[in-house]
Amino acid sequence: MINRKLIRIKTVQVAYAYSLNDVHRPDDGVNILLSSLGTAYDLYNTMLTLMVDISRLALRAYEAQASRATRLGLPQPSRKFVDNRFMLQLESNRQLQDNRKNQRLDWANEEEFVRSLYNKVVDSDFFREYMESNVDSYDEDRELWRKIYRHIIIDNDALDDLLEDVNIYWNDDRFIIDTFVLKTINKFSPTSKDDHPLLPEFRDEEELEYAKKLMSQTLNGAKYYKDLIAQNTRNWDVDRVALMDRIIMQVALAEITSFPSIPLSVSINEYIEIAKSYSTPNSARYINATLDNISKKLIAEHKLEKTA
């Protein structure tokens, strides 16, 4: 699940923290990076269980309505939402149940917030259309939860505040994690059983090794990368360059010089995008020009080779 975009962002965050604390133990940095990536995976599972807890609250609401209808001799309410086939699969998923045991955020302790989301679901036009529809299909059940996630859970300010109280980096992770939650919803099918695999923390061993090596090289080569930046900072003391800009270039140069198979343009473009989100308005252009100049010089001096 954790992709290279998230690894790059987390590496920049850890390297920035190291520069502020003047810590120089690369092995610690790798462990901190892996721990930070682990919290992002925890967020992934937390967002999946949030949907489950909305459904559980819906079941309690249905049972109260059904009991009242029985007492008053009224027609029983529809079970369509509480019997949603996709949600029954997700709730019974063994991997999610196991992951839930270690989650930092237990939605059972946030019932008021979960109820507020449930009320938004019930008040939505797409929910009313779903409940009134004569269609009875698995695709419709799954699509409802995709809409709930996209329109009610994503870009929810109250949720952002709640998540930030648990982990200050979770809101930075959300834009990536949300895409993986939606991808997970789409991967379920009518035949999915309770052993249906969720997304793994790392796609494969190669991604894990990429994360370890990028972090290690970033910290081990810090002085070398700072010297490269200084040599290509015209009429400007390198220490006067914005710290975040220096850190972004430090991580970028660690990747450029340590991973021959990653195309140069890919690396530079990825870190330009990080600069747009984490640094000043003018940083992207400056970082682009500096990294381009350094790369050209390293290639001319036969100190940089790329296989792709």
Protein backbone atom coordinates (compact mmCIF):
# COMPACT_ATOMS: atom_id res chain seq x y z
CA MET A 1 0.00 0.00 0.00
CA ILE A 2 2.74 2.43 0.97
CA ASN A 3 4.06 3.87 -2.28
CA ARG A 4 7.17 5.82 -3.16
CA LYS A 5 5.39 9.16 -3.05
CA LEU A 6 4.56 8.60 0.62
CA ILE A 7 8.06 7.24 1.33
CA ARG A 8 9.61 10.39 -0.15
CA ILE A 9 7.38 12.68 1.91
CA LYS A 10 8.07 10.77 5.12
CA THR A 11 11.82 10.79 4.43
CA VAL A 12 11.73 14.57 4.02
CA GLN A 13 9.81 14.90 7.29
CA VAL A 14 12.27 12.71 9.22
CA ALA A 15 15.32 14.45 7.69
CA TYR A 16 13.83 17.84 8.59
CA ALA A 17 13.31 16.74 12.20
CA TYR A 18 16.90 15.46 12.34
CA SER A 19 18.24 18.79 11.10
CA LEU A 20 16.40 20.61 13.90
CA ASN A 21 17.57 18.19 16.61
CA ASP A 22 21.12 17.86 15.30
CA VAL A 23 20.90 14.07 15.48
CA HIS A 24 23.29 12.11 13.29
CA ARG A 25 22.52 8.41 13.72
CA PRO A 26 21.26 7.07 10.37
CA ASP A 27 20.14 3.76 11.85
CA ASP A 28 17.79 5.62 14.17
CA GLY A 29 16.53 7.56 11.18
CA VAL A 30 15.62 4.37 9.33
CA ASN A 31 13.73 3.08 12.38
CA ILE A 32 11.89 6.37 12.78
CA LEU A 33 10.98 6.34 9.08
CA LEU A 34 9.61 2.80 9.26
CA SER A 35 7.65 3.70 12.39
CA SER A 36 6.22 6.76 10.62
CA LEU A 37 5.23 4.66 7.62
CA GLY A 38 3.63 2.20 10.02
CA THR A 39 1.43 4.95 11.43
CA ALA A 40 0.29 5.73 7.88
CA TYR A 41 -0.75 2.10 7.48
CA ASP A 42 -2.54 2.37 10.82
CA LEU A 43 -4.46 5.32 9.36
CA TYR A 44 -5.48 3.15 6.39
CA ASN A 45 -6.98 0.56 8.71
CA THR A 46 -8.51 3.26 10.91
CA MET A 47 -10.38 4.74 7.95
CA LEU A 48 -11.69 1.30 6.95
CA THR A 49 -12.94 0.64 10.48
CA LEU A 50 -14.61 4.05 10.53
CA MET A 51 -16.95 2.82 7.80
CA VAL A 52 -17.61 -0.35 9.79
CA ASP A 53 -18.51 1.68 12.87
CA ILE A 54 -20.89 3.89 10.90
CA SER A 55 -22.62 0.70 9.77
CA ARG A 56 -22.75 -0.68 13.31
CA LEU A 57 -24.38 2.52 14.53
CA ALA A 58 -26.84 2.23 11.64
CA LEU A 59 -27.73 -1.28 12.84
CA ARG A 60 -28.42 0.01 16.34
CA ALA A 61 -30.62 2.77 14.88
CA TYR A 62 -32.47 0.20 12.77
CA GLU A 63 -33.07 -2.08 15.79
CA ALA A 64 -34.53 0.85 17.75
CA GLN A 65 -36.79 1.76 14.81
CA ALA A 66 -37.87 -1.86 14.35
CA SER A 67 -38.67 -2.24 18.05
CA ARG A 68 -40.74 0.93 17.99
CA ALA A 69 -42.57 -0.22 14.84
CA THR A 70 -43.41 -3.53 16.53
CA ARG A 71 -44.77 -1.78 19.62
CA LEU A 72 -46.93 0.56 17.56
CA GLY A 73 -48.01 -2.00 14.99
CA LEU A 74 -46.30 -0.08 12.18
CA PRO A 75 -44.58 -1.51 9.08
CA GLN A 76 -41.01 -2.62 9.73
CA PRO A 77 -38.25 -0.32 8.41
CA SER A 78 -36.14 -1.40 5.46
CA ARG A 79 -33.06 -3.50 6.21
CA LYS A 80 -31.40 -2.53 2.93
CA PHE A 81 -28.65 -0.41 4.46
CA VAL A 82 -27.84 -2.68 7.41
CA ASP A 83 -27.76 -5.69 5.08
CA ASN A 84 -25.44 -3.96 2.61
CA ARG A 85 -23.40 -6.84 1.20
CA PHE A 86 -20.14 -4.97 0.75
CA MET A 87 -20.22 -3.74 4.34
CA LEU A 88 -20.98 -7.20 5.71
CA GLN A 89 -17.85 -8.41 3.90
CA LEU A 90 -15.71 -5.58 5.24
CA GLU A 91 -16.95 -6.04 8.79
CA SER A 92 -16.18 -9.78 8.75
CA ASN A 93 -12.75 -9.34 7.12
CA ARG A 94 -10.28 -11.19 9.34
CA GLN A 95 -7.30 -9.04 8.39
CA LEU A 96 -9.15 -5.86 9.32
CA GLN A 97 -10.27 -7.41 12.61
CA ASP A 98 -6.66 -8.32 13.44
CA ASN A 99 -5.36 -4.89 12.46
CA ARG A 100 -8.03 -3.22 14.54
CA LYS A 101 -6.57 -4.63 17.76
CA ASN A 102 -3.50 -2.41 17.39
CA GLN A 103 -5.15 0.79 16.17
CA ARG A 104 -4.37 3.98 18.05
CA LEU A 105 -7.84 5.38 17.47
CA ASP A 106 -10.84 3.38 18.68
CA TRP A 107 -14.01 4.71 17.10
CA ALA A 108 -16.01 3.25 20.00
CA ASN A 109 -14.63 6.17 22.02
CA GLU A 110 -15.79 8.67 19.40
CA GLU A 111 -19.46 7.73 19.17
CA GLU A 112 -20.68 11.32 18.95
CA PHE A 113 -18.48 11.94 15.92
CA VAL A 114 -19.47 8.63 14.27
CA ARG A 115 -23.12 9.52 14.84
CA SER A 116 -22.59 12.88 13.15
CA LEU A 117 -21.28 11.05 10.07
CA TYR A 118 -24.18 8.60 10.15
CA ASN A 119 -26.64 11.51 10.23
CA LYS A 120 -24.90 13.06 7.21
CA VAL A 121 -25.23 9.74 5.38
CA VAL A 122 -28.95 9.47 6.13
CA ASP A 123 -29.52 13.08 5.04
CA SER A 124 -27.67 12.69 1.73
CA ASP A 125 -29.45 12.51 -1.62
CA PHE A 126 -27.48 9.48 -2.75
CA PHE A 127 -28.51 7.56 0.38
CA ARG A 128 -32.19 8.33 -0.22
CA GLU A 129 -31.82 7.24 -3.84
CA TYR A 130 -30.21 4.01 -2.69
CA MET A 131 -32.94 3.24 -0.16
CA GLU A 132 -35.72 4.04 -2.66
CA SER A 133 -34.17 2.15 -5.55
CA ASN A 134 -35.74 -1.10 -6.69
CA VAL A 135 -32.32 -2.31 -7.81
CA ASP A 136 -30.88 -5.04 -5.64
CA SER A 137 -27.28 -5.61 -6.64
CA TYR A 138 -23.86 -5.98 -5.06
CA ASP A 139 -22.49 -3.20 -7.29
CA GLU A 140 -25.09 -0.81 -5.91
CA ASP A 141 -24.19 -1.78 -2.33
CA ARG A 142 -20.48 -1.22 -2.92
CA GLU A 143 -21.05 2.01 -4.84
CA LEU A 144 -23.02 3.45 -1.92
CA TRP A 145 -20.04 3.08 0.39
CA ARG A 146 -17.71 4.52 -2.20
CA LYS A 147 -19.98 7.61 -2.31
CA ILE A 148 -20.16 7.78 1.48
CA TYR A 149 -16.38 7.79 1.67
CA ARG A 150 -15.87 10.30 -1.14
CA HIS A 151 -18.58 12.78 -0.17
CA ILE A 152 -18.81 12.53 3.62
CA ILE A 153 -15.52 11.20 4.99
CA ILE A 154 -13.02 12.90 2.66
CA ASP A 155 -12.55 16.66 3.26
CA ASN A 156 -14.29 16.53 6.63
CA ASP A 157 -12.91 19.29 8.86
CA ALA A 158 -14.10 17.69 12.09
CA LEU A 159 -12.37 14.45 11.10
CA ASP A 160 -9.17 16.35 10.31
CA ASP A 161 -9.18 17.85 13.81
CA LEU A 162 -9.82 14.49 15.43
CA LEU A 163 -7.04 12.75 13.48
CA GLU A 164 -4.56 15.52 14.20
CA ASP A 165 -5.11 15.02 17.92
CA VAL A 166 -4.00 11.40 17.51
CA ASN A 167 -1.09 11.94 15.10
CA ILE A 168 0.05 15.31 13.75
CA TYR A 169 1.12 13.73 10.45
CA TRP A 170 -2.11 11.89 9.68
CA ASN A 171 -3.70 14.79 7.83
CA ASP A 172 -0.62 14.99 5.59
CA ASP A 173 -1.08 11.28 4.88
CA ARG A 174 -4.80 11.53 4.18
CA PHE A 175 -4.61 12.50 0.50
CA ILE A 176 -2.70 9.29 -0.25
CA ILE A 177 -4.48 7.02 2.23
CA ASP A 178 -7.90 8.07 0.95
CA THR A 179 -7.00 6.87 -2.54
CA PHE A 180 -6.00 3.49 -1.11
CA VAL A 181 -9.24 3.16 0.85
CA LEU A 182 -11.22 3.82 -2.35
CA LYS A 183 -9.03 1.32 -4.19
CA THR A 184 -9.73 -1.24 -1.46
CA ILE A 185 -13.49 -0.73 -1.79
CA ASN A 186 -13.24 -1.32 -5.53
CA LYS A 187 -11.25 -4.54 -5.05
CA PHE A 188 -14.09 -6.28 -3.21
CA SER A 189 -16.40 -8.46 -5.30
CA PRO A 190 -19.57 -10.53 -4.73
CA THR A 191 -17.40 -13.59 -4.09
CA SER A 192 -15.04 -11.99 -1.54
CA LYS A 193 -14.74 -14.04 1.64
CA ASP A 194 -13.52 -13.15 5.11
CA ASP A 195 -9.95 -13.86 4.01
CA HIS A 196 -10.14 -11.29 1.18
CA PRO A 197 -6.73 -9.52 1.27
CA LEU A 198 -6.54 -5.86 2.14
CA LEU A 199 -3.64 -3.83 0.79
CA PRO A 200 -0.33 -4.84 2.43
CA GLU A 201 1.81 -2.25 4.23
CA PHE A 202 4.51 -2.57 1.55
CA ARG A 203 3.82 -3.83 -1.96
CA ASP A 204 6.95 -5.96 -1.88
CA GLU A 205 10.42 -6.25 -0.36
CA GLU A 206 11.83 -3.89 -2.99
CA GLU A 207 9.70 -1.00 -1.72
CA LEU A 208 10.80 -1.66 1.85
CA GLU A 209 14.45 -1.67 0.81
CA TYR A 210 13.92 1.53 -1.18
CA ALA A 211 12.61 3.23 1.97
CA LYS A 212 15.52 2.04 4.13
CA LYS A 213 18.18 2.97 1.59
CA LEU A 214 16.71 6.40 0.81
CA MET A 215 16.61 7.34 4.50
CA SER A 216 20.08 5.95 5.22
CA GLN A 217 21.67 7.67 2.22
CA THR A 218 19.93 10.95 3.03
CA LEU A 219 21.49 11.08 6.49
CA ASN A 220 24.84 9.47 5.71
CA GLY A 221 25.46 11.78 2.76
CA ALA A 222 24.12 14.97 4.34
CA LYS A 223 27.44 16.86 4.21
CA TYR A 224 28.16 15.75 0.62
CA TYR A 225 24.72 16.87 -0.56
CA LYS A 226 25.00 20.18 1.28
CA ASP A 227 28.36 20.80 -0.46
CA LEU A 228 26.78 20.03 -3.86
CA ILE A 229 24.01 22.49 -3.15
CA ALA A 230 26.50 25.14 -1.97
CA GLN A 231 28.55 24.77 -5.16
CA ASN A 232 25.43 25.48 -7.22
CA THR A 233 23.96 28.32 -5.18
CA ARG A 234 25.11 31.43 -6.98
CA ASN A 235 25.82 34.54 -4.91
CA TRP A 236 23.98 33.05 -1.96
CA ASP A 237 25.29 31.38 1.18
CA VAL A 238 23.84 27.87 1.35
CA ASP A 239 22.92 28.42 5.00
CA ARG A 240 20.60 31.22 3.90
CA VAL A 241 18.63 28.85 1.68
CA ALA A 242 15.30 27.95 3.32
CA LEU A 243 15.87 24.90 5.52
CA MET A 244 12.99 22.95 4.02
CA ASP A 245 14.34 23.64 0.52
CA ARG A 246 17.74 22.27 1.57
CA ILE A 247 16.18 19.17 3.11
CA ILE A 248 14.05 18.47 0.04
CA MET A 249 17.14 18.78 -2.19
CA GLN A 250 19.15 16.62 0.22
CA VAL A 251 16.62 13.78 -0.07
CA ALA A 252 16.30 14.31 -3.82
CA LEU A 253 20.08 14.07 -4.28
CA ALA A 254 20.17 10.93 -2.13
CA GLU A 255 17.69 9.36 -4.53
CA ILE A 256 19.33 10.70 -7.69
CA THR A 257 22.78 9.44 -6.73
CA SER A 258 21.75 6.15 -5.09
CA PHE A 259 19.11 4.68 -7.41
CA PRO A 260 20.42 4.36 -11.00
CA SER A 261 17.21 2.71 -12.21
CA ILE A 262 14.99 5.67 -11.28
CA PRO A 263 14.92 8.16 -14.19
CA LEU A 264 16.39 11.54 -13.34
CA SER A 265 13.27 13.39 -14.51
CA VAL A 266 11.06 11.26 -12.27
CA SER A 267 13.11 12.04 -9.17
CA ILE A 268 13.29 15.78 -9.84
CA ASN A 269 9.58 16.04 -10.63
CA GLU A 270 8.59 14.14 -7.48
CA TYR A 271 10.56 16.48 -5.22
CA ILE A 272 9.29 19.56 -7.03
CA GLU A 273 5.77 18.39 -6.14
CA ILE A 274 6.79 17.95 -2.51
CA ALA A 275 8.21 21.48 -2.52
CA LYS A 276 4.89 22.86 -3.78
CA SER A 277 3.15 21.41 -0.73
CA TYR A 278 5.77 21.83 1.98
CA SER A 279 7.84 24.91 1.16
CA THR A 280 7.54 28.48 -0.12
CA PRO A 281 5.74 29.54 -3.35
CA ASN A 282 9.06 30.10 -5.14
CA SER A 283 10.74 26.94 -3.90
CA ALA A 284 9.68 24.60 -6.70
CA ARG A 285 11.35 26.67 -9.41
CA TYR A 286 14.52 27.14 -7.36
CA ILE A 287 14.75 23.44 -6.45
CA ASN A 288 14.13 22.42 -10.06
CA ALA A 289 16.94 24.65 -11.36
CA THR A 290 19.40 23.65 -8.63
CA LEU A 291 18.83 19.90 -8.97
CA ASP A 292 19.04 20.18 -12.76
CA ASN A 293 22.38 22.02 -12.56
CA ILE A 294 23.85 19.59 -10.05
CA SER A 295 22.74 16.57 -12.08
CA LYS A 296 24.22 17.92 -15.30
CA LYS A 297 27.57 18.58 -13.60
CA LEU A 298 27.66 15.13 -12.00
CA ILE A 299 26.91 13.51 -15.35
CA ALA A 300 29.60 15.61 -17.09
CA GLU A 301 32.11 14.57 -14.41
CA HIS A 302 31.06 10.90 -14.81
CA LYS A 303 29.91 10.83 -11.19
CA LEU A 304 26.31 10.03 -12.04
CA GLU A 305 25.01 7.26 -14.25
CA LYS A 306 21.44 6.31 -14.97
CA THR A 307 20.21 3.02 -16.37
CA ALA A 308 16.76 4.43 -17.13
